[in-house]
Amino acid sequence: VSSVQSLMHNTHGGLLMLTLPSLM
């Protein structure tokens, strides 16, 4: 899925690629 909102429509079963703001 493309967003956190879409992911959280269900309790399990989705995949989200997430880029974090801090690159440590």
PDB file of all heavy atoms in Angstrom:
ATOM      1  N   VAL A   1       0.852  -1.186   0.000  1.00  0.00           N
ATOM      2  CA  VAL A   1       0.000   0.000   0.000  1.00  0.00           C
ATOM      3  C   VAL A   1       0.888   1.235   0.000  1.00  0.00           C
ATOM      4  O   VAL A   1       2.096   1.147   0.217  1.00  0.00           O
ATOM      5  CB  VAL A   1      -0.957   0.019   1.217  1.00  0.00           C
ATOM      6  CG1 VAL A   1      -1.893  -1.187   1.189  1.00  0.00           C
ATOM      7  CG2 VAL A   1      -0.170   0.063   2.517  1.00  0.00           C
ATOM      8  N   SER A   2       0.273   2.395  -0.235  1.00  0.00           N
ATOM      9  CA  SER A   2       1.069   3.610  -0.441  1.00  0.00           C
ATOM     10  C   SER A   2       1.035   4.574   0.734  1.00  0.00           C
ATOM     11  O   SER A   2       1.724   5.597   0.702  1.00  0.00           O
ATOM     12  CB  SER A   2       0.586   4.335  -1.698  1.00  0.00           C
ATOM     13  OG  SER A   2      -0.793   4.675  -1.578  1.00  0.00           O
ATOM     14  N   SER A   3       0.256   4.280   1.770  1.00  0.00           N
ATOM     15  CA  SER A   3       0.154   5.225   2.879  1.00  0.00           C
ATOM     16  C   SER A   3      -0.136   4.496   4.184  1.00  0.00           C
ATOM     17  O   SER A   3      -0.641   3.370   4.198  1.00  0.00           O
ATOM     18  CB  SER A   3      -0.960   6.243   2.619  1.00  0.00           C
ATOM     19  OG  SER A   3      -2.234   5.623   2.699  1.00  0.00           O
ATOM     20  N   VAL A   4       0.192   5.170   5.289  1.00  0.00           N
ATOM     21  CA  VAL A   4      -0.113   4.635   6.610  1.00  0.00           C
ATOM     22  C   VAL A   4      -1.617   4.464   6.780  1.00  0.00           C
ATOM     23  O   VAL A   4      -2.094   3.467   7.342  1.00  0.00           O
ATOM     24  CB  VAL A   4       0.449   5.556   7.714  1.00  0.00           C
ATOM     25  CG1 VAL A   4       0.005   5.089   9.100  1.00  0.00           C
ATOM     26  CG2 VAL A   4       1.973   5.615   7.634  1.00  0.00           C
ATOM     27  N   GLN A   5      -2.376   5.437   6.293  1.00  0.00           N
ATOM     28  CA  GLN A   5      -3.836   5.373   6.404  1.00  0.00           C
ATOM     29  C   GLN A   5      -4.390   4.113   5.748  1.00  0.00           C
ATOM     30  O   GLN A   5      -5.239   3.416   6.313  1.00  0.00           O
ATOM     31  CB  GLN A   5      -4.465   6.619   5.790  1.00  0.00           C
ATOM     32  CG  GLN A   5      -5.975   6.686   5.937  1.00  0.00           C
ATOM     33  CD  GLN A   5      -6.555   7.950   5.340  1.00  0.00           C
ATOM     34  OE1 GLN A   5      -5.861   8.710   4.664  1.00  0.00           O
ATOM     35  NE2 GLN A   5      -7.832   8.191   5.590  1.00  0.00           N
ATOM     36  N   SER A   6      -3.891   3.806   4.558  1.00  0.00           N
ATOM     37  CA  SER A   6      -4.348   2.604   3.867  1.00  0.00           C
ATOM     38  C   SER A   6      -3.947   1.346   4.625  1.00  0.00           C
ATOM     39  O   SER A   6      -4.720   0.386   4.732  1.00  0.00           O
ATOM     40  CB  SER A   6      -3.767   2.551   2.452  1.00  0.00           C
ATOM     41  OG  SER A   6      -4.215   3.637   1.679  1.00  0.00           O
ATOM     42  N   LEU A   7      -2.735   1.362   5.170  1.00  0.00           N
ATOM     43  CA  LEU A   7      -2.249   0.205   5.915  1.00  0.00           C
ATOM     44  C   LEU A   7      -3.137  -0.090   7.114  1.00  0.00           C
ATOM     45  O   LEU A   7      -3.498  -1.243   7.373  1.00  0.00           O
ATOM     46  CB  LEU A   7      -0.813   0.459   6.380  1.00  0.00           C
ATOM     47  CG  LEU A   7      -0.065  -0.728   6.977  1.00  0.00           C
ATOM     48  CD1 LEU A   7       0.343  -1.711   5.885  1.00  0.00           C
ATOM     49  CD2 LEU A   7       1.175  -0.249   7.748  1.00  0.00           C
ATOM     50  N   MET A   8      -3.508   0.960   7.831  1.00  0.00           N
ATOM     51  CA  MET A   8      -4.222   0.795   9.090  1.00  0.00           C
ATOM     52  C   MET A   8      -5.726   0.539   8.912  1.00  0.00           C
ATOM     53  O   MET A   8      -6.444   0.401   9.903  1.00  0.00           O
ATOM     54  CB  MET A   8      -3.996   2.010   9.992  1.00  0.00           C
ATOM     55  CG  MET A   8      -2.550   2.164  10.446  1.00  0.00           C
ATOM     56  SD  MET A   8      -1.948   0.725  11.385  1.00  0.00           S
ATOM     57  CE  MET A   8      -0.225   1.190  11.659  1.00  0.00           C
ATOM     58  N   HIS A   9      -6.181   0.456   7.675  1.00  0.00           N
ATOM     59  CA  HIS A   9      -7.569   0.057   7.447  1.00  0.00           C
ATOM     60  C   HIS A   9      -7.814  -1.362   7.934  1.00  0.00           C
ATOM     61  O   HIS A   9      -8.942  -1.742   8.255  1.00  0.00           O
ATOM     62  CB  HIS A   9      -7.929   0.154   5.951  1.00  0.00           C
ATOM     63  CG  HIS A   9      -8.334   1.526   5.534  1.00  0.00           C
ATOM     64  ND1 HIS A   9      -9.185   2.309   6.268  1.00  0.00           N
ATOM     65  CD2 HIS A   9      -8.014   2.255   4.420  1.00  0.00           C
ATOM     66  CE1 HIS A   9      -9.363   3.461   5.651  1.00  0.00           C
ATOM     67  NE2 HIS A   9      -8.656   3.463   4.530  1.00  0.00           N
ATOM     68  N   ASN A  10      -6.730  -2.171   7.954  1.00  0.00           N
ATOM     69  CA  ASN A  10      -6.825  -3.554   8.403  1.00  0.00           C
ATOM     70  C   ASN A  10      -5.863  -3.783   9.566  1.00  0.00           C
ATOM     71  O   ASN A  10      -4.992  -2.951   9.840  1.00  0.00           O
ATOM     72  CB  ASN A  10      -6.510  -4.514   7.251  1.00  0.00           C
ATOM     73  CG  ASN A  10      -7.492  -4.380   6.108  1.00  0.00           C
ATOM     74  OD1 ASN A  10      -8.685  -4.605   6.276  1.00  0.00           O
ATOM     75  ND2 ASN A  10      -6.990  -4.007   4.932  1.00  0.00           N
ATOM     76  N   THR A  11      -5.991  -4.918  10.209  1.00  0.00           N
ATOM     77  CA  THR A  11      -5.147  -5.210  11.369  1.00  0.00           C
ATOM     78  C   THR A  11      -3.863  -5.940  10.990  1.00  0.00           C
ATOM     79  O   THR A  11      -2.924  -6.008  11.794  1.00  0.00           O
ATOM     80  CB  THR A  11      -5.912  -6.063  12.395  1.00  0.00           C
ATOM     81  OG1 THR A  11      -6.318  -7.290  11.762  1.00  0.00           O
ATOM     82  CG2 THR A  11      -7.137  -5.324  12.909  1.00  0.00           C
ATOM     83  N   HIS A  12      -3.803  -6.493   9.776  1.00  0.00           N
ATOM     84  CA  HIS A  12      -2.636  -7.260   9.349  1.00  0.00           C
ATOM     85  C   HIS A  12      -2.700  -7.465   7.839  1.00  0.00           C
ATOM     86  O   HIS A  12      -3.697  -7.124   7.201  1.00  0.00           O
ATOM     87  CB  HIS A  12      -2.604  -8.635  10.051  1.00  0.00           C
ATOM     88  CG  HIS A  12      -3.762  -9.516   9.680  1.00  0.00           C
ATOM     89  ND1 HIS A  12      -5.012  -9.381  10.239  1.00  0.00           N
ATOM     90  CD2 HIS A  12      -3.879 -10.540   8.775  1.00  0.00           C
ATOM     91  CE1 HIS A  12      -5.844 -10.278   9.729  1.00  0.00           C
ATOM     92  NE2 HIS A  12      -5.173 -10.996   8.833  1.00  0.00           N
ATOM     93  N   GLY A  13      -1.614  -7.990   7.276  1.00  0.00           N
ATOM     94  CA  GLY A  13      -1.634  -8.417   5.884  1.00  0.00           C
ATOM     95  C   GLY A  13      -1.098  -7.438   4.863  1.00  0.00           C
ATOM     96  O   GLY A  13      -0.984  -7.775   3.690  1.00  0.00           O
ATOM     97  N   GLY A  14      -0.737  -6.213   5.265  1.00  0.00           N
ATOM     98  CA  GLY A  14      -0.265  -5.212   4.312  1.00  0.00           C
ATOM     99  C   GLY A  14       1.236  -5.010   4.358  1.00  0.00           C
ATOM    100  O   GLY A  14       1.932  -5.477   5.269  1.00  0.00           O
ATOM    101  N   LEU A  15       1.741  -4.302   3.355  1.00  0.00           N
ATOM    102  CA  LEU A  15       3.158  -3.959   3.266  1.00  0.00           C
ATOM    103  C   LEU A  15       3.286  -2.485   2.920  1.00  0.00           C
ATOM    104  O   LEU A  15       2.638  -1.997   1.998  1.00  0.00           O
ATOM    105  CB  LEU A  15       3.844  -4.793   2.183  1.00  0.00           C
ATOM    106  CG  LEU A  15       5.272  -4.365   1.793  1.00  0.00           C
ATOM    107  CD1 LEU A  15       6.247  -4.699   2.910  1.00  0.00           C
ATOM    108  CD2 LEU A  15       5.716  -5.031   0.493  1.00  0.00           C
ATOM    109  N   LEU A  16       4.137  -1.775   3.669  1.00  0.00           N
ATOM    110  CA  LEU A  16       4.379  -0.357   3.410  1.00  0.00           C
ATOM    111  C   LEU A  16       5.875  -0.093   3.413  1.00  0.00           C
ATOM    112  O   LEU A  16       6.582  -0.484   4.346  1.00  0.00           O
ATOM    113  CB  LEU A  16       3.699   0.499   4.484  1.00  0.00           C
ATOM    114  CG  LEU A  16       3.919   2.017   4.384  1.00  0.00           C
ATOM    115  CD1 LEU A  16       3.227   2.590   3.150  1.00  0.00           C
ATOM    116  CD2 LEU A  16       3.424   2.720   5.648  1.00  0.00           C
ATOM    117  N   MET A  17       6.371   0.571   2.363  1.00  0.00           N
ATOM    118  CA  MET A  17       7.753   1.040   2.325  1.00  0.00           C
ATOM    119  C   MET A  17       7.772   2.433   2.940  1.00  0.00           C
ATOM    120  O   MET A  17       7.023   3.316   2.511  1.00  0.00           O
ATOM    121  CB  MET A  17       8.279   1.070   0.898  1.00  0.00           C
ATOM    122  CG  MET A  17       8.068  -0.225   0.110  1.00  0.00           C
ATOM    123  SD  MET A  17       8.869  -1.673   0.827  1.00  0.00           S
ATOM    124  CE  MET A  17      10.599  -1.277   0.498  1.00  0.00           C
ATOM    125  N   LEU A  18       8.609   2.646   3.932  1.00  0.00           N
ATOM    126  CA  LEU A  18       8.605   3.889   4.701  1.00  0.00           C
ATOM    127  C   LEU A  18      10.000   4.502   4.725  1.00  0.00           C
ATOM    128  O   LEU A  18      10.976   3.832   5.073  1.00  0.00           O
ATOM    129  CB  LEU A  18       8.133   3.603   6.131  1.00  0.00           C
ATOM    130  CG  LEU A  18       7.965   4.793   7.071  1.00  0.00           C
ATOM    131  CD1 LEU A  18       6.828   5.703   6.607  1.00  0.00           C
ATOM    132  CD2 LEU A  18       7.696   4.306   8.497  1.00  0.00           C
ATOM    133  N   THR A  19      10.098   5.766   4.346  1.00  0.00           N
ATOM    134  CA  THR A  19      11.353   6.502   4.430  1.00  0.00           C
ATOM    135  C   THR A  19      11.297   7.419   5.649  1.00  0.00           C
ATOM    136  O   THR A  19      10.355   8.195   5.798  1.00  0.00           O
ATOM    137  CB  THR A  19      11.595   7.339   3.162  1.00  0.00           C
ATOM    138  OG1 THR A  19      11.625   6.469   2.024  1.00  0.00           O
ATOM    139  CG2 THR A  19      12.916   8.084   3.250  1.00  0.00           C
ATOM    140  N   LEU A  20      12.308   7.333   6.501  1.00  0.00           N
ATOM    141  CA  LEU A  20      12.344   8.144   7.719  1.00  0.00           C
ATOM    142  C   LEU A  20      13.096   9.439   7.467  1.00  0.00           C
ATOM    143  O   LEU A  20      13.992   9.505   6.629  1.00  0.00           O
ATOM    144  CB  LEU A  20      13.012   7.354   8.850  1.00  0.00           C
ATOM    145  CG  LEU A  20      12.330   6.036   9.229  1.00  0.00           C
ATOM    146  CD1 LEU A  20      13.113   5.338  10.332  1.00  0.00           C
ATOM    147  CD2 LEU A  20      10.892   6.272   9.659  1.00  0.00           C
ATOM    148  N   PRO A  21      12.752  10.494   8.232  1.00  0.00           N
ATOM    149  CA  PRO A  21      13.384  11.788   7.990  1.00  0.00           C
ATOM    150  C   PRO A  21      14.864  11.850   8.355  1.00  0.00           C
ATOM    151  O   PRO A  21      15.639  12.538   7.697  1.00  0.00           O
ATOM    152  CB  PRO A  21      12.572  12.763   8.854  1.00  0.00           C
ATOM    153  CG  PRO A  21      11.695  11.946   9.725  1.00  0.00           C
ATOM    154  CD  PRO A  21      11.624  10.580   9.172  1.00  0.00           C
ATOM    155  N   SER A  22      15.278  11.151   9.408  1.00  0.00           N
ATOM    156  CA  SER A  22      16.682  11.215   9.833  1.00  0.00           C
ATOM    157  C   SER A  22      17.470  10.080   9.194  1.00  0.00           C
ATOM    158  O   SER A  22      17.104   8.920   9.322  1.00  0.00           O
ATOM    159  CB  SER A  22      16.787  11.100  11.357  1.00  0.00           C
ATOM    160  OG  SER A  22      16.190  12.202  11.990  1.00  0.00           O
ATOM    161  N   LEU A  23      18.531  10.434   8.529  1.00  0.00           N
ATOM    162  CA  LEU A  23      19.386   9.434   7.894  1.00  0.00           C
ATOM    163  C   LEU A  23      20.643   9.265   8.743  1.00  0.00           C
ATOM    164  O   LEU A  23      21.662   9.916   8.524  1.00  0.00           O
ATOM    165  CB  LEU A  23      19.753   9.876   6.479  1.00  0.00           C
ATOM    166  CG  LEU A  23      18.568  10.134   5.543  1.00  0.00           C
ATOM    167  CD1 LEU A  23      19.065  10.618   4.191  1.00  0.00           C
ATOM    168  CD2 LEU A  23      17.742   8.872   5.393  1.00  0.00           C
ATOM    169  N   MET A  24      20.574   8.382   9.743  1.00  0.00           N
ATOM    170  CA  MET A  24      21.683   8.186  10.665  1.00  0.00           C
ATOM    171  C   MET A  24      22.413   6.904  10.262  1.00  0.00           C
ATOM    172  O   MET A  24      22.004   5.802  10.626  1.00  0.00           O
ATOM    173  CB  MET A  24      21.178   8.110  12.100  1.00  0.00           C
ATOM    174  CG  MET A  24      20.479   9.383  12.554  1.00  0.00           C
ATOM    175  SD  MET A  24      19.950   9.339  14.287  1.00  0.00           S
ATOM    176  CE  MET A  24      21.543   9.429  15.112  1.00  0.00           C
TER     177      MET A  24
END
